[in-house]
């Protein structure tokens, strides 16, 4: 497992470059939902359908959540783009069971320290419209092992509308932890999380199609 090696200087520089990249590829980013009162001890669950997802998470965290955040990334990707370590990314190797546990424990330790961790429970990129979302059990493991935690679902929806470039819509959900049955096993807990995140993503799509109002982030 490759740990994060955060640097405020690198985060600042990466943000400047990423904002320019965003404006060249997207029109706007809109969001709705209620921000958590605190981002400490938080596990963020995000659907994963594009290469852009971790970069959008970085922008959301920088401009909206403002958490001391960490993110999980495939080991091959982190080796190819080691700069991501400097903005709080750590690795996971899904082909190595011991490495998986090490990465999940690393995430759990960051949460126990009062930090936030962003993960893609699907594990891999999957088409935005694919159902079921097929969550892995990693989020359930982190919940089970953490001393104090809140679980916030964040849904990302990309859509072309009247402009040449697409828009991104984001939905911020409420803490899912109160609905987790402590008597459930890891797989049933995972199914609960998947169902809640699926409902939120499908509802976000419906809101976009119906032209409901959103806040514009940039």
N, C-alpha and C. Protein backbone atom coordinates (compact mmCIF):
# COMPACT_ATOMS: atom_id res chain seq x y z
N UNK A 1 0.83 -1.19 0.00
CA UNK A 1 0.00 0.00 0.00
C UNK A 1 0.87 1.25 0.00
N UNK A 2 0.51 2.21 -0.82
CA UNK A 2 1.25 3.46 -0.91
C UNK A 2 0.49 4.53 -0.12
N UNK A 3 1.05 5.06 0.95
CA UNK A 3 0.33 6.07 1.75
C UNK A 3 0.34 7.44 1.07
N UNK A 4 -0.56 8.29 1.52
CA UNK A 4 -0.58 9.67 1.05
C UNK A 4 0.60 10.43 1.65
N UNK A 5 0.96 11.51 0.99
CA UNK A 5 2.04 12.38 1.47
C UNK A 5 1.63 13.83 1.18
N UNK A 6 0.63 14.29 1.91
CA UNK A 6 0.00 15.58 1.61
C UNK A 6 0.95 16.75 1.77
N UNK A 7 0.77 17.73 0.86
CA UNK A 7 1.56 18.95 0.88
C UNK A 7 0.67 20.13 0.53
N UNK A 8 0.49 21.10 1.42
CA UNK A 8 -0.33 22.27 1.11
C UNK A 8 0.15 23.00 -0.15
N UNK A 9 1.45 23.04 -0.36
CA UNK A 9 1.98 23.71 -1.55
C UNK A 9 1.53 23.00 -2.82
N UNK A 10 1.64 21.67 -2.84
CA UNK A 10 1.23 20.92 -4.01
C UNK A 10 -0.29 20.98 -4.20
N UNK A 11 -1.04 20.99 -3.11
CA UNK A 11 -2.49 21.13 -3.23
C UNK A 11 -2.86 22.47 -3.86
N UNK A 12 -2.16 23.51 -3.45
CA UNK A 12 -2.41 24.85 -4.01
C UNK A 12 -2.10 24.87 -5.51
N UNK A 13 -0.96 24.35 -5.90
CA UNK A 13 -0.59 24.34 -7.31
C UNK A 13 -1.50 23.46 -8.15
N UNK A 14 -1.86 22.28 -7.61
CA UNK A 14 -2.74 21.37 -8.32
C UNK A 14 -4.10 22.01 -8.54
N UNK A 15 -4.57 22.75 -7.56
CA UNK A 15 -5.87 23.42 -7.67
C UNK A 15 -5.86 24.44 -8.80
N UNK A 16 -4.80 25.22 -8.93
CA UNK A 16 -4.72 26.22 -10.00
C UNK A 16 -4.80 25.57 -11.38
N UNK A 17 -4.07 24.49 -11.54
CA UNK A 17 -4.06 23.79 -12.83
C UNK A 17 -5.42 23.15 -13.10
N UNK A 18 -5.99 22.54 -12.07
CA UNK A 18 -7.25 21.81 -12.25
C UNK A 18 -8.40 22.74 -12.59
N UNK A 19 -8.44 23.93 -12.01
CA UNK A 19 -9.51 24.87 -12.33
C UNK A 19 -9.46 25.22 -13.82
N UNK A 20 -8.29 25.40 -14.38
CA UNK A 20 -8.17 25.69 -15.81
C UNK A 20 -8.63 24.50 -16.64
N UNK A 21 -8.23 23.31 -16.22
CA UNK A 21 -8.67 22.10 -16.92
C UNK A 21 -10.18 21.98 -16.90
N UNK A 22 -10.78 22.25 -15.76
CA UNK A 22 -12.24 22.14 -15.64
C UNK A 22 -12.93 23.08 -16.62
N UNK A 23 -12.50 24.32 -16.68
CA UNK A 23 -13.14 25.30 -17.55
C UNK A 23 -12.98 24.96 -19.02
N UNK A 24 -11.91 24.24 -19.35
CA UNK A 24 -11.71 23.86 -20.75
C UNK A 24 -12.58 22.67 -21.15
N UNK A 25 -13.05 21.88 -20.17
CA UNK A 25 -13.77 20.65 -20.48
C UNK A 25 -15.25 20.67 -20.09
N UNK A 26 -15.62 21.52 -19.13
CA UNK A 26 -16.99 21.54 -18.63
C UNK A 26 -17.56 22.94 -18.67
N UNK A 27 -18.88 22.99 -18.64
CA UNK A 27 -19.56 24.28 -18.62
C UNK A 27 -19.71 24.78 -17.18
N UNK A 28 -20.49 24.06 -16.38
CA UNK A 28 -20.70 24.46 -14.98
C UNK A 28 -20.79 23.23 -14.09
N UNK A 29 -20.64 23.50 -12.78
CA UNK A 29 -20.87 22.48 -11.76
C UNK A 29 -21.94 22.99 -10.83
N UNK A 30 -23.01 22.20 -10.69
CA UNK A 30 -24.14 22.57 -9.84
C UNK A 30 -24.28 21.54 -8.71
N UNK A 31 -24.85 21.98 -7.60
CA UNK A 31 -25.06 21.04 -6.49
C UNK A 31 -26.34 21.38 -5.74
N UNK A 32 -26.82 20.40 -4.99
CA UNK A 32 -27.92 20.61 -4.05
C UNK A 32 -27.77 19.62 -2.92
N UNK A 33 -28.44 19.92 -1.81
CA UNK A 33 -28.31 19.11 -0.61
C UNK A 33 -27.75 19.93 0.53
N UNK A 34 -27.64 19.33 1.69
CA UNK A 34 -27.18 20.02 2.89
C UNK A 34 -25.79 19.54 3.26
N UNK A 35 -24.88 20.49 3.41
CA UNK A 35 -23.53 20.14 3.83
C UNK A 35 -23.56 19.62 5.27
N UNK A 36 -22.73 18.64 5.59
CA UNK A 36 -22.66 18.17 6.98
C UNK A 36 -22.16 19.28 7.90
N UNK A 37 -22.63 19.27 9.14
CA UNK A 37 -22.20 20.29 10.10
C UNK A 37 -20.69 20.27 10.31
N UNK A 38 -20.11 19.09 10.23
CA UNK A 38 -18.67 18.92 10.36
C UNK A 38 -18.23 17.84 9.38
N UNK A 39 -17.03 17.98 8.84
CA UNK A 39 -16.48 16.95 7.95
C UNK A 39 -15.48 16.05 8.68
N UNK A 40 -15.36 16.23 9.99
CA UNK A 40 -14.47 15.35 10.75
C UNK A 40 -15.09 13.96 10.88
N UNK A 41 -14.24 12.95 10.90
CA UNK A 41 -14.68 11.55 11.06
C UNK A 41 -15.72 11.18 9.99
N UNK A 42 -15.45 11.58 8.74
CA UNK A 42 -16.44 11.39 7.68
C UNK A 42 -15.93 10.46 6.58
N UNK A 43 -16.78 9.53 6.20
CA UNK A 43 -16.55 8.69 5.03
C UNK A 43 -17.51 9.14 3.94
N UNK A 44 -16.97 9.64 2.84
CA UNK A 44 -17.78 10.05 1.69
C UNK A 44 -17.84 8.91 0.69
N UNK A 45 -19.05 8.55 0.26
CA UNK A 45 -19.26 7.50 -0.73
C UNK A 45 -19.69 8.15 -2.05
N UNK A 46 -18.95 7.89 -3.11
CA UNK A 46 -19.19 8.55 -4.40
C UNK A 46 -19.30 7.51 -5.51
N UNK A 47 -20.30 7.66 -6.38
CA UNK A 47 -20.38 6.78 -7.55
C UNK A 47 -19.26 7.11 -8.53
N UNK A 48 -18.86 6.11 -9.31
CA UNK A 48 -17.64 6.26 -10.14
C UNK A 48 -17.94 5.84 -11.58
N UNK A 49 -17.99 6.84 -12.48
CA UNK A 49 -18.30 6.53 -13.88
C UNK A 49 -17.33 7.14 -14.88
N UNK A 50 -16.46 8.06 -14.44
CA UNK A 50 -15.55 8.71 -15.38
C UNK A 50 -14.17 8.92 -14.76
N UNK A 51 -13.20 9.14 -15.64
CA UNK A 51 -11.83 9.48 -15.24
C UNK A 51 -11.81 10.76 -14.43
N UNK A 52 -12.78 11.64 -14.66
CA UNK A 52 -12.81 12.94 -14.02
C UNK A 52 -13.24 12.88 -12.55
N UNK A 53 -13.86 11.82 -12.12
CA UNK A 53 -14.46 11.78 -10.79
C UNK A 53 -13.52 12.20 -9.66
N UNK A 54 -12.31 11.65 -9.54
CA UNK A 54 -11.44 12.07 -8.43
C UNK A 54 -11.04 13.55 -8.51
N UNK A 55 -10.95 14.07 -9.73
CA UNK A 55 -10.59 15.48 -9.87
C UNK A 55 -11.76 16.37 -9.45
N UNK A 56 -12.98 15.95 -9.79
CA UNK A 56 -14.16 16.69 -9.35
C UNK A 56 -14.28 16.65 -7.83
N UNK A 57 -13.97 15.50 -7.24
CA UNK A 57 -13.98 15.39 -5.78
C UNK A 57 -13.00 16.39 -5.17
N UNK A 58 -11.83 16.51 -5.76
CA UNK A 58 -10.84 17.46 -5.24
C UNK A 58 -11.42 18.88 -5.26
N UNK A 59 -12.07 19.25 -6.36
CA UNK A 59 -12.66 20.59 -6.45
C UNK A 59 -13.80 20.77 -5.45
N UNK A 60 -14.64 19.75 -5.31
CA UNK A 60 -15.73 19.84 -4.34
C UNK A 60 -15.19 20.01 -2.93
N UNK A 61 -14.16 19.25 -2.62
CA UNK A 61 -13.60 19.33 -1.28
C UNK A 61 -12.95 20.68 -1.03
N UNK A 62 -12.29 21.21 -2.06
CA UNK A 62 -11.60 22.49 -1.93
C UNK A 62 -12.57 23.65 -1.76
N UNK A 63 -13.66 23.63 -2.53
CA UNK A 63 -14.55 24.79 -2.58
C UNK A 63 -15.80 24.66 -1.72
N UNK A 64 -16.21 23.41 -1.42
CA UNK A 64 -17.50 23.23 -0.77
C UNK A 64 -17.36 22.59 0.62
N UNK A 65 -16.77 21.42 0.68
CA UNK A 65 -16.69 20.69 1.95
C UNK A 65 -15.54 21.18 2.83
N UNK A 66 -14.44 21.55 2.20
CA UNK A 66 -13.27 22.10 2.90
C UNK A 66 -12.80 21.18 4.03
N UNK A 67 -12.79 19.89 3.74
CA UNK A 67 -12.37 18.89 4.72
C UNK A 67 -10.87 18.64 4.60
N UNK A 68 -10.30 18.14 5.67
CA UNK A 68 -8.94 17.61 5.61
C UNK A 68 -9.09 16.21 5.02
N UNK A 69 -9.12 16.16 3.69
CA UNK A 69 -9.57 14.96 3.01
C UNK A 69 -8.48 14.10 2.42
N UNK A 70 -8.79 12.80 2.35
CA UNK A 70 -7.94 11.79 1.73
C UNK A 70 -8.79 10.98 0.76
N UNK A 71 -8.14 10.42 -0.26
CA UNK A 71 -8.87 9.63 -1.23
C UNK A 71 -8.15 8.34 -1.58
N UNK A 72 -8.92 7.32 -1.93
CA UNK A 72 -8.38 6.01 -2.29
C UNK A 72 -8.32 5.88 -3.80
N UNK A 73 -7.22 5.30 -4.32
CA UNK A 73 -7.00 5.19 -5.76
C UNK A 73 -6.31 3.86 -6.06
N UNK A 74 -6.59 3.29 -7.23
CA UNK A 74 -5.90 2.07 -7.65
C UNK A 74 -4.39 2.28 -7.62
N UNK A 75 -3.68 1.25 -7.19
CA UNK A 75 -2.22 1.36 -7.07
C UNK A 75 -1.56 1.70 -8.41
N UNK A 76 -2.01 1.08 -9.50
CA UNK A 76 -1.42 1.36 -10.81
C UNK A 76 -1.59 2.82 -11.18
N UNK A 77 -2.76 3.37 -10.91
CA UNK A 77 -3.00 4.77 -11.22
C UNK A 77 -2.13 5.70 -10.39
N UNK A 78 -1.96 5.37 -9.12
CA UNK A 78 -1.15 6.22 -8.25
C UNK A 78 0.32 6.15 -8.63
N UNK A 79 0.77 4.98 -9.07
CA UNK A 79 2.14 4.87 -9.55
C UNK A 79 2.35 5.68 -10.83
N UNK A 80 1.32 5.73 -11.68
CA UNK A 80 1.42 6.50 -12.93
C UNK A 80 1.36 8.00 -12.68
N UNK A 81 0.61 8.40 -11.65
CA UNK A 81 0.44 9.83 -11.33
C UNK A 81 0.77 10.05 -9.85
N UNK A 82 2.05 9.97 -9.50
CA UNK A 82 2.44 10.07 -8.08
C UNK A 82 2.12 11.42 -7.45
N UNK A 83 1.85 12.43 -8.27
CA UNK A 83 1.48 13.74 -7.71
C UNK A 83 0.22 13.63 -6.85
N UNK A 84 -0.62 12.64 -7.14
CA UNK A 84 -1.85 12.49 -6.36
C UNK A 84 -1.57 12.19 -4.89
N UNK A 85 -0.42 11.59 -4.60
CA UNK A 85 -0.06 11.38 -3.20
C UNK A 85 0.04 12.71 -2.47
N UNK A 86 0.51 13.74 -3.16
CA UNK A 86 0.75 15.05 -2.55
C UNK A 86 -0.55 15.80 -2.26
N UNK A 87 -1.66 15.32 -2.83
CA UNK A 87 -2.94 15.97 -2.54
C UNK A 87 -3.83 15.07 -1.68
N UNK A 88 -3.24 14.00 -1.10
CA UNK A 88 -3.98 13.20 -0.12
C UNK A 88 -4.47 11.85 -0.59
N UNK A 89 -3.93 11.35 -1.71
CA UNK A 89 -4.39 10.07 -2.23
C UNK A 89 -3.49 8.93 -1.75
N UNK A 90 -4.11 7.83 -1.39
CA UNK A 90 -3.39 6.61 -1.03
C UNK A 90 -3.89 5.47 -1.91
N UNK A 91 -3.14 4.38 -1.96
CA UNK A 91 -3.43 3.34 -2.95
C UNK A 91 -4.20 2.17 -2.37
N UNK A 92 -4.76 1.38 -3.30
CA UNK A 92 -5.31 0.07 -2.97
C UNK A 92 -5.00 -0.85 -4.14
N UNK A 93 -4.60 -2.07 -3.83
CA UNK A 93 -4.32 -3.09 -4.83
C UNK A 93 -5.35 -4.19 -4.67
N UNK A 94 -6.34 -4.21 -5.54
CA UNK A 94 -7.47 -5.12 -5.38
C UNK A 94 -7.11 -6.57 -5.68
N UNK A 95 -5.94 -6.81 -6.21
CA UNK A 95 -5.52 -8.17 -6.49
C UNK A 95 -4.77 -8.81 -5.32
N UNK A 96 -4.57 -8.03 -4.26
CA UNK A 96 -3.81 -8.50 -3.11
C UNK A 96 -4.65 -8.32 -1.84
N UNK A 97 -5.20 -9.41 -1.29
CA UNK A 97 -6.08 -9.29 -0.11
C UNK A 97 -5.43 -8.56 1.07
N UNK A 98 -4.14 -8.82 1.32
CA UNK A 98 -3.47 -8.15 2.43
C UNK A 98 -3.38 -6.65 2.17
N UNK A 99 -3.15 -6.27 0.93
CA UNK A 99 -3.07 -4.86 0.58
C UNK A 99 -4.43 -4.18 0.73
N UNK A 100 -5.48 -4.91 0.38
CA UNK A 100 -6.83 -4.35 0.54
C UNK A 100 -7.08 -4.01 2.00
N UNK A 101 -6.79 -4.94 2.90
CA UNK A 101 -7.00 -4.72 4.33
C UNK A 101 -6.13 -3.56 4.82
N UNK A 102 -4.88 -3.50 4.34
CA UNK A 102 -3.99 -2.41 4.75
C UNK A 102 -4.55 -1.06 4.32
N UNK A 103 -5.10 -0.98 3.11
CA UNK A 103 -5.67 0.28 2.62
C UNK A 103 -6.92 0.67 3.38
N UNK A 104 -7.77 -0.31 3.66
CA UNK A 104 -8.99 -0.03 4.42
C UNK A 104 -8.66 0.41 5.84
N UNK A 105 -7.66 -0.21 6.44
CA UNK A 105 -7.24 0.21 7.78
C UNK A 105 -6.62 1.60 7.76
N UNK A 106 -5.91 1.91 6.69
CA UNK A 106 -5.34 3.26 6.55
C UNK A 106 -6.47 4.29 6.50
N UNK A 107 -7.52 3.97 5.73
CA UNK A 107 -8.68 4.86 5.66
C UNK A 107 -9.33 4.99 7.03
N UNK A 108 -9.51 3.87 7.70
CA UNK A 108 -10.11 3.88 9.04
C UNK A 108 -9.30 4.73 10.01
N UNK A 109 -7.98 4.62 9.95
CA UNK A 109 -7.11 5.38 10.84
C UNK A 109 -7.24 6.88 10.59
N UNK A 110 -7.35 7.28 9.32
CA UNK A 110 -7.50 8.70 9.01
C UNK A 110 -8.84 9.22 9.58
N UNK A 111 -9.88 8.42 9.45
CA UNK A 111 -11.18 8.83 9.98
C UNK A 111 -11.13 8.93 11.49
N UNK A 112 -10.50 7.98 12.15
CA UNK A 112 -10.38 8.01 13.60
C UNK A 112 -9.58 9.22 14.08
N UNK A 113 -8.70 9.73 13.23
CA UNK A 113 -7.94 10.93 13.55
C UNK A 113 -8.76 12.21 13.39
N UNK A 114 -9.97 12.08 12.86
CA UNK A 114 -10.82 13.24 12.66
C UNK A 114 -10.78 13.78 11.25
N UNK A 115 -10.19 13.03 10.33
CA UNK A 115 -10.11 13.47 8.94
C UNK A 115 -11.26 12.88 8.13
N UNK A 116 -11.33 13.23 6.85
CA UNK A 116 -12.35 12.71 5.95
C UNK A 116 -11.69 11.84 4.90
N UNK A 117 -12.40 10.82 4.46
CA UNK A 117 -11.91 9.93 3.42
C UNK A 117 -12.99 9.78 2.34
N UNK A 118 -12.56 9.94 1.09
CA UNK A 118 -13.45 9.78 -0.06
C UNK A 118 -13.13 8.46 -0.74
N UNK A 119 -14.15 7.64 -0.98
CA UNK A 119 -13.91 6.38 -1.67
C UNK A 119 -15.00 6.15 -2.73
N UNK A 120 -14.66 5.29 -3.69
CA UNK A 120 -15.62 4.81 -4.69
C UNK A 120 -16.00 3.38 -4.31
N UNK A 121 -17.15 3.17 -3.69
CA UNK A 121 -17.50 1.82 -3.23
C UNK A 121 -17.65 0.80 -4.35
N UNK A 122 -17.84 1.28 -5.60
CA UNK A 122 -17.94 0.36 -6.73
C UNK A 122 -16.59 -0.27 -7.05
N UNK A 123 -15.52 0.37 -6.62
CA UNK A 123 -14.20 -0.16 -6.87
C UNK A 123 -13.62 0.25 -8.21
N UNK A 124 -14.38 0.07 -9.28
CA UNK A 124 -13.93 0.41 -10.63
C UNK A 124 -14.93 1.36 -11.28
N UNK A 125 -14.48 2.01 -12.36
CA UNK A 125 -15.40 2.81 -13.16
C UNK A 125 -16.46 1.92 -13.78
N UNK A 126 -17.70 2.37 -13.72
CA UNK A 126 -18.80 1.65 -14.36
C UNK A 126 -19.69 2.68 -15.07
N UNK A 127 -20.37 2.29 -16.13
CA UNK A 127 -21.25 3.24 -16.82
C UNK A 127 -22.22 3.92 -15.87
N UNK A 128 -22.46 5.19 -16.10
CA UNK A 128 -23.30 5.98 -15.20
C UNK A 128 -24.69 5.38 -15.02
N UNK A 129 -25.21 4.78 -16.08
CA UNK A 129 -26.57 4.24 -16.03
C UNK A 129 -26.61 2.78 -15.58
N UNK A 130 -25.48 2.17 -15.33
CA UNK A 130 -25.48 0.75 -14.96
C UNK A 130 -26.11 0.54 -13.58
N UNK A 131 -26.99 -0.44 -13.51
CA UNK A 131 -27.58 -0.86 -12.25
C UNK A 131 -27.53 -2.38 -12.20
N UNK A 132 -27.24 -3.00 -11.07
CA UNK A 132 -26.92 -2.34 -9.80
C UNK A 132 -25.54 -1.70 -9.82
N UNK A 133 -25.30 -0.83 -8.82
CA UNK A 133 -24.02 -0.15 -8.74
C UNK A 133 -22.88 -1.10 -8.37
N UNK A 134 -23.21 -2.21 -7.75
CA UNK A 134 -22.24 -3.26 -7.41
C UNK A 134 -21.15 -2.76 -6.45
N UNK A 135 -21.58 -2.37 -5.26
CA UNK A 135 -20.65 -1.93 -4.23
C UNK A 135 -19.80 -3.11 -3.73
N UNK A 136 -18.54 -2.83 -3.49
CA UNK A 136 -17.68 -3.76 -2.77
C UNK A 136 -17.91 -3.57 -1.27
N UNK A 137 -17.32 -4.42 -0.45
CA UNK A 137 -17.60 -4.39 0.99
C UNK A 137 -16.65 -3.47 1.77
N UNK A 138 -15.79 -2.73 1.07
CA UNK A 138 -14.80 -1.90 1.75
C UNK A 138 -15.40 -0.85 2.66
N UNK A 139 -16.45 -0.16 2.19
CA UNK A 139 -17.08 0.88 3.02
C UNK A 139 -17.65 0.29 4.29
N UNK A 140 -18.27 -0.89 4.16
CA UNK A 140 -18.83 -1.56 5.32
C UNK A 140 -17.75 -1.93 6.33
N UNK A 141 -16.61 -2.37 5.83
CA UNK A 141 -15.48 -2.70 6.71
C UNK A 141 -15.02 -1.46 7.48
N UNK A 142 -14.87 -0.33 6.78
CA UNK A 142 -14.41 0.90 7.42
C UNK A 142 -15.39 1.33 8.52
N UNK A 143 -16.70 1.25 8.21
CA UNK A 143 -17.71 1.60 9.21
C UNK A 143 -17.59 0.72 10.44
N UNK A 144 -17.43 -0.56 10.19
CA UNK A 144 -17.36 -1.55 11.28
C UNK A 144 -16.16 -1.31 12.19
N UNK A 145 -15.05 -0.88 11.62
CA UNK A 145 -13.80 -0.76 12.37
C UNK A 145 -13.56 0.63 12.95
N UNK A 146 -14.33 1.62 12.55
CA UNK A 146 -14.08 3.00 12.99
C UNK A 146 -14.67 3.27 14.36
N UNK A 147 -13.97 4.07 15.15
CA UNK A 147 -14.45 4.43 16.49
C UNK A 147 -15.58 5.44 16.43
N UNK A 148 -15.47 6.39 15.51
CA UNK A 148 -16.47 7.44 15.34
C UNK A 148 -16.54 7.77 13.86
N UNK A 149 -17.75 7.80 13.29
CA UNK A 149 -17.84 7.99 11.84
C UNK A 149 -19.23 8.48 11.45
N UNK A 150 -19.28 9.30 10.39
CA UNK A 150 -20.52 9.57 9.69
C UNK A 150 -20.29 9.20 8.22
N UNK A 151 -21.35 8.79 7.55
CA UNK A 151 -21.24 8.27 6.18
C UNK A 151 -22.11 9.13 5.27
N UNK A 152 -21.48 9.91 4.41
CA UNK A 152 -22.19 10.89 3.58
C UNK A 152 -22.11 10.47 2.11
N UNK A 153 -23.25 10.19 1.48
CA UNK A 153 -23.24 9.86 0.05
C UNK A 153 -23.20 11.12 -0.80
N UNK A 154 -22.36 11.10 -1.82
CA UNK A 154 -22.26 12.20 -2.77
C UNK A 154 -22.43 11.62 -4.17
N UNK A 155 -23.44 12.08 -4.89
CA UNK A 155 -23.74 11.56 -6.23
C UNK A 155 -23.27 12.53 -7.30
N UNK A 156 -22.63 11.99 -8.34
CA UNK A 156 -22.16 12.78 -9.48
C UNK A 156 -22.93 12.37 -10.73
N UNK A 157 -23.43 13.37 -11.47
CA UNK A 157 -24.18 13.10 -12.69
C UNK A 157 -23.72 14.06 -13.78
N UNK A 158 -23.23 13.49 -14.89
CA UNK A 158 -22.71 14.28 -16.00
C UNK A 158 -23.75 14.30 -17.12
N UNK A 159 -23.96 15.48 -17.71
CA UNK A 159 -25.00 15.56 -18.74
C UNK A 159 -24.68 16.68 -19.73
N UNK A 160 -24.90 16.39 -21.02
CA UNK A 160 -24.86 17.42 -22.05
C UNK A 160 -26.24 18.05 -22.14
N UNK A 161 -26.25 19.39 -22.18
CA UNK A 161 -27.53 20.09 -22.29
C UNK A 161 -27.49 21.02 -23.51
N UNK A 162 -27.70 22.31 -23.30
CA UNK A 162 -27.78 23.22 -24.44
C UNK A 162 -26.41 23.75 -24.88
N UNK A 163 -25.36 23.45 -24.15
CA UNK A 163 -24.05 23.97 -24.47
C UNK A 163 -23.16 22.89 -25.08
N UNK A 164 -22.04 23.33 -25.65
CA UNK A 164 -21.10 22.40 -26.27
C UNK A 164 -20.47 21.49 -25.23
N UNK A 165 -20.20 22.05 -24.06
CA UNK A 165 -19.54 21.29 -22.98
C UNK A 165 -20.59 20.80 -21.99
N UNK A 166 -20.33 19.67 -21.34
CA UNK A 166 -21.31 19.12 -20.40
C UNK A 166 -21.33 19.88 -19.07
N UNK A 167 -22.41 19.68 -18.34
CA UNK A 167 -22.52 20.16 -16.97
C UNK A 167 -22.36 18.97 -16.02
N UNK A 168 -21.99 19.29 -14.79
CA UNK A 168 -21.91 18.29 -13.73
C UNK A 168 -22.89 18.68 -12.64
N UNK A 169 -23.69 17.72 -12.21
CA UNK A 169 -24.63 17.93 -11.13
C UNK A 169 -24.24 17.04 -9.95
N UNK A 170 -24.33 17.60 -8.76
CA UNK A 170 -23.90 16.91 -7.54
C UNK A 170 -25.03 16.93 -6.52
N UNK A 171 -25.27 15.79 -5.91
CA UNK A 171 -26.25 15.70 -4.82
C UNK A 171 -25.52 15.27 -3.55
N UNK A 172 -25.76 16.01 -2.47
CA UNK A 172 -25.15 15.72 -1.18
C UNK A 172 -26.23 15.14 -0.26
N UNK A 173 -26.01 13.93 0.21
CA UNK A 173 -27.01 13.27 1.04
C UNK A 173 -26.78 13.44 2.53
N UNK A 174 -27.71 12.92 3.29
CA UNK A 174 -27.62 12.93 4.74
C UNK A 174 -26.79 11.73 5.22
N UNK A 175 -26.33 11.82 6.46
CA UNK A 175 -25.57 10.74 7.07
C UNK A 175 -26.37 9.43 7.02
N UNK A 176 -25.76 8.40 6.44
CA UNK A 176 -26.44 7.11 6.32
C UNK A 176 -26.30 6.24 7.56
N UNK A 177 -25.41 6.61 8.46
CA UNK A 177 -25.10 5.72 9.58
C UNK A 177 -26.32 5.42 10.46
N UNK A 178 -27.21 6.40 10.71
CA UNK A 178 -28.36 6.06 11.57
C UNK A 178 -29.21 4.92 11.02
N UNK A 179 -29.17 4.69 9.71
CA UNK A 179 -29.97 3.62 9.12
C UNK A 179 -29.27 2.28 9.06
N UNK A 180 -28.03 2.23 9.49
CA UNK A 180 -27.28 0.98 9.45
C UNK A 180 -27.65 0.13 10.66
N UNK A 181 -28.13 -1.06 10.39
CA UNK A 181 -28.49 -1.99 11.46
C UNK A 181 -27.22 -2.62 12.03
N UNK A 182 -26.91 -2.37 13.30
CA UNK A 182 -25.66 -2.90 13.88
C UNK A 182 -25.62 -4.43 13.90
N UNK A 183 -26.79 -5.06 13.76
CA UNK A 183 -26.84 -6.53 13.76
C UNK A 183 -26.60 -7.13 12.38
N UNK A 184 -26.57 -6.27 11.35
CA UNK A 184 -26.37 -6.77 10.00
C UNK A 184 -24.92 -7.20 9.80
N UNK A 185 -24.72 -8.20 8.95
CA UNK A 185 -23.36 -8.57 8.61
C UNK A 185 -22.84 -7.61 7.54
N UNK A 186 -21.58 -7.80 7.16
CA UNK A 186 -20.92 -6.85 6.26
C UNK A 186 -21.61 -6.77 4.90
N UNK A 187 -22.09 -7.89 4.40
CA UNK A 187 -22.72 -7.90 3.08
C UNK A 187 -24.09 -7.22 3.12
N UNK A 188 -24.87 -7.45 4.16
CA UNK A 188 -26.16 -6.77 4.27
C UNK A 188 -25.99 -5.27 4.48
N UNK A 189 -24.95 -4.91 5.24
CA UNK A 189 -24.65 -3.49 5.43
C UNK A 189 -24.26 -2.85 4.10
N UNK A 190 -23.49 -3.55 3.31
CA UNK A 190 -23.09 -3.05 2.00
C UNK A 190 -24.30 -2.86 1.10
N UNK A 191 -25.24 -3.80 1.15
CA UNK A 191 -26.44 -3.68 0.32
C UNK A 191 -27.26 -2.46 0.72
N UNK A 192 -27.34 -2.19 2.01
CA UNK A 192 -28.05 -1.00 2.47
C UNK A 192 -27.41 0.27 1.91
N UNK A 193 -26.08 0.34 1.98
CA UNK A 193 -25.37 1.51 1.46
C UNK A 193 -25.58 1.65 -0.05
N UNK A 194 -25.51 0.53 -0.75
CA UNK A 194 -25.70 0.57 -2.21
C UNK A 194 -27.11 1.03 -2.57
N UNK A 195 -28.09 0.51 -1.87
CA UNK A 195 -29.48 0.90 -2.16
C UNK A 195 -29.69 2.39 -1.92
N UNK A 196 -29.14 2.91 -0.81
CA UNK A 196 -29.30 4.33 -0.49
C UNK A 196 -28.63 5.20 -1.53
N UNK A 197 -27.42 4.83 -1.95
CA UNK A 197 -26.69 5.61 -2.95
C UNK A 197 -27.33 5.51 -4.32
N UNK A 198 -27.90 4.35 -4.65
CA UNK A 198 -28.62 4.19 -5.91
C UNK A 198 -29.84 5.09 -5.95
N UNK A 199 -30.61 5.09 -4.87
CA UNK A 199 -31.81 5.95 -4.80
C UNK A 199 -31.43 7.41 -4.95
N UNK A 200 -30.34 7.82 -4.32
CA UNK A 200 -29.93 9.22 -4.40
C UNK A 200 -29.49 9.58 -5.82
N UNK A 201 -28.73 8.70 -6.46
CA UNK A 201 -28.28 8.97 -7.82
C UNK A 201 -29.45 9.01 -8.80
N UNK A 202 -30.39 8.08 -8.67
CA UNK A 202 -31.56 8.07 -9.55
C UNK A 202 -32.43 9.31 -9.33
N UNK A 203 -32.54 9.73 -8.08
CA UNK A 203 -33.31 10.95 -7.80
C UNK A 203 -32.61 12.18 -8.38
N UNK A 204 -31.29 12.21 -8.32
CA UNK A 204 -30.55 13.32 -8.91
C UNK A 204 -30.82 13.39 -10.41
N UNK A 205 -30.79 12.26 -11.09
CA UNK A 205 -31.09 12.23 -12.53
C UNK A 205 -32.48 12.80 -12.79
N UNK A 206 -33.45 12.41 -11.98
CA UNK A 206 -34.82 12.89 -12.14
C UNK A 206 -34.88 14.40 -11.96
N UNK A 207 -34.18 14.93 -10.97
CA UNK A 207 -34.18 16.38 -10.74
C UNK A 207 -33.57 17.13 -11.92
N UNK A 208 -32.51 16.57 -12.49
CA UNK A 208 -31.86 17.22 -13.65
C UNK A 208 -32.81 17.22 -14.84
N UNK A 209 -33.44 16.09 -15.12
CA UNK A 209 -34.36 15.99 -16.26
C UNK A 209 -35.53 16.94 -16.10
N UNK A 210 -36.01 17.08 -14.86
CA UNK A 210 -37.17 17.96 -14.61
C UNK A 210 -36.79 19.42 -14.47
N UNK A 211 -35.50 19.73 -14.64
CA UNK A 211 -35.02 21.12 -14.59
C UNK A 211 -35.25 21.76 -13.22
N UNK A 212 -35.05 21.01 -12.15
CA UNK A 212 -35.15 21.58 -10.82
C UNK A 212 -33.97 22.51 -10.55
N UNK A 213 -34.11 23.33 -9.52
CA UNK A 213 -33.09 24.32 -9.23
C UNK A 213 -31.92 23.71 -8.46
N UNK A 214 -30.72 24.19 -8.77
CA UNK A 214 -29.48 23.79 -8.11
C UNK A 214 -28.69 25.05 -7.80
N UNK A 215 -27.78 24.93 -6.86
CA UNK A 215 -26.80 25.99 -6.61
C UNK A 215 -25.66 25.82 -7.59
N UNK A 216 -25.15 26.94 -8.08
CA UNK A 216 -24.00 26.90 -8.99
C UNK A 216 -22.72 27.10 -8.18
N UNK A 217 -21.82 26.13 -8.25
CA UNK A 217 -20.54 26.26 -7.55
C UNK A 217 -19.55 27.04 -8.40
N UNK A 218 -19.42 26.69 -9.66
CA UNK A 218 -18.64 27.46 -10.63
C UNK A 218 -18.93 26.93 -12.03
